[in-house]
Amino acid sequence: MKNKIDLTKYLKKGSVIFSGRDSGKEVRKKIKLDIIDNDEIKYTIIFPDNLELLSNSFFLGLFGKSYLSLGLQKFNEKYLFYLDNLEYKDSIQTDIDDGISYITTNINSID
């Protein structure tokens, strides 16, 4: 995994969930996702091993603008979500799918 974005250090100490749109926006800013969205590199997104929940609001804050600028196909080509290390990988995959669905239904509220 050459080009990876590791979200581990952004999970608050003692927490097992990523939640809150503002928290997602804060992580987006820290990893400079606005810049990354515009390069030609594909990235693997690494989640913390102990993650149990990825809320729609966090996903929207983190990836909403990416989805808007890239569209579904390019978004899925650019960002690979690596879940093999997760105990709750099926649940997190569902959270990702739900997050993408949430973005598409809340497209007008993305800023």
C-alpha atoms as a PDB file:
ATOM      1  CA  MET A   1       0.000   0.000   0.000  1.00  0.00           C
ATOM      2  CA  LYS A   2       2.188   2.753  -1.339  1.00  0.00           C
ATOM      3  CA  ASN A   3      -0.239   5.667  -1.318  1.00  0.00           C
ATOM      4  CA  LYS A   4      -2.251   5.435   1.837  1.00  0.00           C
ATOM      5  CA  ILE A   5      -4.200   7.729   4.082  1.00  0.00           C
ATOM      6  CA  ASP A   6      -4.128   6.348   7.603  1.00  0.00           C
ATOM      7  CA  LEU A   7      -6.997   7.653   9.711  1.00  0.00           C
ATOM      8  CA  THR A   8      -5.758   5.930  12.882  1.00  0.00           C
ATOM      9  CA  LYS A   9      -4.221   9.022  14.445  1.00  0.00           C
ATOM     10  CA  TYR A  10      -7.460  10.977  14.021  1.00  0.00           C
ATOM     11  CA  LEU A  11      -9.548   8.683  16.214  1.00  0.00           C
ATOM     12  CA  LYS A  12      -9.895  10.332  19.589  1.00  0.00           C
ATOM     13  CA  LYS A  13      -8.114   8.518  22.380  1.00  0.00           C
ATOM     14  CA  GLY A  14     -10.367   5.919  24.001  1.00  0.00           C
ATOM     15  CA  SER A  15     -12.950   6.149  21.203  1.00  0.00           C
ATOM     16  CA  VAL A  16     -14.092   3.387  18.849  1.00  0.00           C
ATOM     17  CA  ILE A  17     -16.245   5.569  16.574  1.00  0.00           C
ATOM     18  CA  PHE A  18     -15.799   8.309  14.009  1.00  0.00           C
ATOM     19  CA  SER A  19     -18.759  10.648  14.302  1.00  0.00           C
ATOM     20  CA  GLY A  20     -19.801  14.208  13.613  1.00  0.00           C
ATOM     21  CA  ARG A  21     -19.713  16.175  10.403  1.00  0.00           C
ATOM     22  CA  ASP A  22     -17.408  18.799  11.900  1.00  0.00           C
ATOM     23  CA  SER A  23     -14.980  16.062  12.961  1.00  0.00           C
ATOM     24  CA  GLY A  24     -14.987  14.697   9.424  1.00  0.00           C
ATOM     25  CA  LYS A  25     -14.313  18.182   8.036  1.00  0.00           C
ATOM     26  CA  GLU A  26     -11.471  18.632  10.517  1.00  0.00           C
ATOM     27  CA  VAL A  27      -9.813  15.393   9.401  1.00  0.00           C
ATOM     28  CA  ARG A  28     -10.383  16.357   5.750  1.00  0.00           C
ATOM     29  CA  LYS A  29      -8.514  19.591   6.354  1.00  0.00           C
ATOM     30  CA  LYS A  30      -5.646  17.907   8.236  1.00  0.00           C
ATOM     31  CA  ILE A  31      -5.023  15.346   5.501  1.00  0.00           C
ATOM     32  CA  LYS A  32      -5.412  18.011   2.797  1.00  0.00           C
ATOM     33  CA  LEU A  33      -8.084  16.064   0.960  1.00  0.00           C
ATOM     34  CA  ASP A  34      -9.025  19.076  -1.192  1.00  0.00           C
ATOM     35  CA  ILE A  35      -5.556  18.859  -2.750  1.00  0.00           C
ATOM     36  CA  ILE A  36      -5.481  15.049  -2.879  1.00  0.00           C
ATOM     37  CA  ASP A  37      -8.812  14.976  -4.737  1.00  0.00           C
ATOM     38  CA  ASN A  38      -7.156  16.796  -7.643  1.00  0.00           C
ATOM     39  CA  ASP A  39      -4.079  14.624  -8.123  1.00  0.00           C
ATOM     40  CA  GLU A  40      -3.936  11.547 -10.329  1.00  0.00           C
ATOM     41  CA  ILE A  41      -2.922   9.151  -7.538  1.00  0.00           C
ATOM     42  CA  LYS A  42      -5.097   6.368  -6.137  1.00  0.00           C
ATOM     43  CA  TYR A  43      -5.196   6.041  -2.356  1.00  0.00           C
ATOM     44  CA  THR A  44      -5.948   3.331   0.149  1.00  0.00           C
ATOM     45  CA  ILE A  45      -7.863   4.574   3.178  1.00  0.00           C
ATOM     46  CA  ILE A  46      -6.740   2.810   6.379  1.00  0.00           C
ATOM     47  CA  PHE A  47      -9.077   2.747   9.364  1.00  0.00           C
ATOM     48  CA  PRO A  48      -8.072   2.213  12.985  1.00  0.00           C
ATOM     49  CA  ASP A  49      -8.048  -1.480  13.954  1.00  0.00           C
ATOM     50  CA  ASN A  50     -10.475  -0.863  16.808  1.00  0.00           C
ATOM     51  CA  LEU A  51     -13.043   1.139  14.803  1.00  0.00           C
ATOM     52  CA  GLU A  52     -16.600  -0.042  15.453  1.00  0.00           C
ATOM     53  CA  LEU A  53     -18.690   2.706  13.842  1.00  0.00           C
ATOM     54  CA  LEU A  54     -18.282   5.207  11.027  1.00  0.00           C
ATOM     55  CA  SER A  55     -21.215   7.625  11.158  1.00  0.00           C
ATOM     56  CA  ASN A  56     -22.862   9.091   8.070  1.00  0.00           C
ATOM     57  CA  SER A  57     -22.181  12.589   9.337  1.00  0.00           C
ATOM     58  CA  PHE A  58     -18.445  11.955   9.726  1.00  0.00           C
ATOM     59  CA  PHE A  59     -18.285  10.333   6.284  1.00  0.00           C
ATOM     60  CA  LEU A  60     -20.121  13.307   4.783  1.00  0.00           C
ATOM     61  CA  GLY A  61     -17.734  15.774   6.416  1.00  0.00           C
ATOM     62  CA  LEU A  62     -14.687  13.811   5.283  1.00  0.00           C
ATOM     63  CA  PHE A  63     -15.660  12.676   1.792  1.00  0.00           C
ATOM     64  CA  GLY A  64     -18.709  14.730   0.747  1.00  0.00           C
ATOM     65  CA  LYS A  65     -16.753  17.305  -1.260  1.00  0.00           C
ATOM     66  CA  SER A  66     -14.625  14.546  -2.804  1.00  0.00           C
ATOM     67  CA  TYR A  67     -17.707  12.721  -3.985  1.00  0.00           C
ATOM     68  CA  LEU A  68     -19.162  15.931  -5.427  1.00  0.00           C
ATOM     69  CA  SER A  69     -16.018  16.863  -7.320  1.00  0.00           C
ATOM     70  CA  LEU A  70     -15.133  13.370  -8.574  1.00  0.00           C
ATOM     71  CA  GLY A  71     -18.494  11.668  -9.035  1.00  0.00           C
ATOM     72  CA  LEU A  72     -19.206   8.110  -7.937  1.00  0.00           C
ATOM     73  CA  GLN A  73     -17.080   6.251 -10.490  1.00  0.00           C
ATOM     74  CA  LYS A  74     -13.919   8.344 -10.051  1.00  0.00           C
ATOM     75  CA  PHE A  75     -14.424   8.454  -6.282  1.00  0.00           C
ATOM     76  CA  ASN A  76     -14.533   4.645  -6.168  1.00  0.00           C
ATOM     77  CA  GLU A  77     -11.494   4.395  -8.455  1.00  0.00           C
ATOM     78  CA  LYS A  78      -9.454   6.912  -6.458  1.00  0.00           C
ATOM     79  CA  TYR A  79     -10.238   5.783  -2.912  1.00  0.00           C
ATOM     80  CA  LEU A  80      -9.995   2.151  -1.836  1.00  0.00           C
ATOM     81  CA  PHE A  81     -11.227   1.474   1.676  1.00  0.00           C
ATOM     82  CA  TYR A  82      -8.989  -1.125   3.321  1.00  0.00           C
ATOM     83  CA  LEU A  83     -10.969  -3.044   5.919  1.00  0.00           C
ATOM     84  CA  ASP A  84      -9.124  -6.370   6.249  1.00  0.00           C
ATOM     85  CA  ASN A  85      -7.547  -5.366   9.558  1.00  0.00           C
ATOM     86  CA  LEU A  86     -10.889  -4.573  11.187  1.00  0.00           C
ATOM     87  CA  GLU A  87     -12.814  -6.817  13.549  1.00  0.00           C
ATOM     88  CA  TYR A  88     -16.027  -5.065  12.506  1.00  0.00           C
ATOM     89  CA  LYS A  89     -15.226  -4.888   8.782  1.00  0.00           C
ATOM     90  CA  ASP A  90     -18.709  -5.938   7.624  1.00  0.00           C
ATOM     91  CA  SER A  91     -20.267  -3.251   9.788  1.00  0.00           C
ATOM     92  CA  ILE A  92     -17.781  -0.610   8.612  1.00  0.00           C
ATOM     93  CA  GLN A  93     -18.381  -1.586   4.961  1.00  0.00           C
ATOM     94  CA  THR A  94     -22.101  -1.065   5.564  1.00  0.00           C
ATOM     95  CA  ASP A  95     -21.288   2.301   7.176  1.00  0.00           C
ATOM     96  CA  ILE A  96     -19.281   3.289   4.073  1.00  0.00           C
ATOM     97  CA  ASP A  97     -22.095   2.230   1.736  1.00  0.00           C
ATOM     98  CA  ASP A  98     -24.595   4.097   3.892  1.00  0.00           C
ATOM     99  CA  GLY A  99     -22.274   7.127   3.930  1.00  0.00           C
ATOM    100  CA  ILE A 100     -22.161   7.234   0.135  1.00  0.00           C
ATOM    101  CA  SER A 101     -25.933   6.911   0.014  1.00  0.00           C
ATOM    102  CA  TYR A 102     -26.220   9.670   2.619  1.00  0.00           C
ATOM    103  CA  ILE A 103     -24.032  11.948   0.495  1.00  0.00           C
ATOM    104  CA  THR A 104     -26.176  11.411  -2.587  1.00  0.00           C
ATOM    105  CA  THR A 105     -29.378  12.224  -0.698  1.00  0.00           C
ATOM    106  CA  ASN A 106     -27.882  15.257   1.078  1.00  0.00           C
ATOM    107  CA  ILE A 107     -25.960  16.640  -1.877  1.00  0.00           C
ATOM    108  CA  ASN A 108     -27.393  20.140  -1.442  1.00  0.00           C
ATOM    109  CA  SER A 109     -26.124  20.445   2.131  1.00  0.00           C
ATOM    110  CA  ILE A 110     -22.474  19.702   1.355  1.00  0.00           C
ATOM    111  CA  ASP A 111     -20.150  22.641   1.899  1.00  0.00           C
END
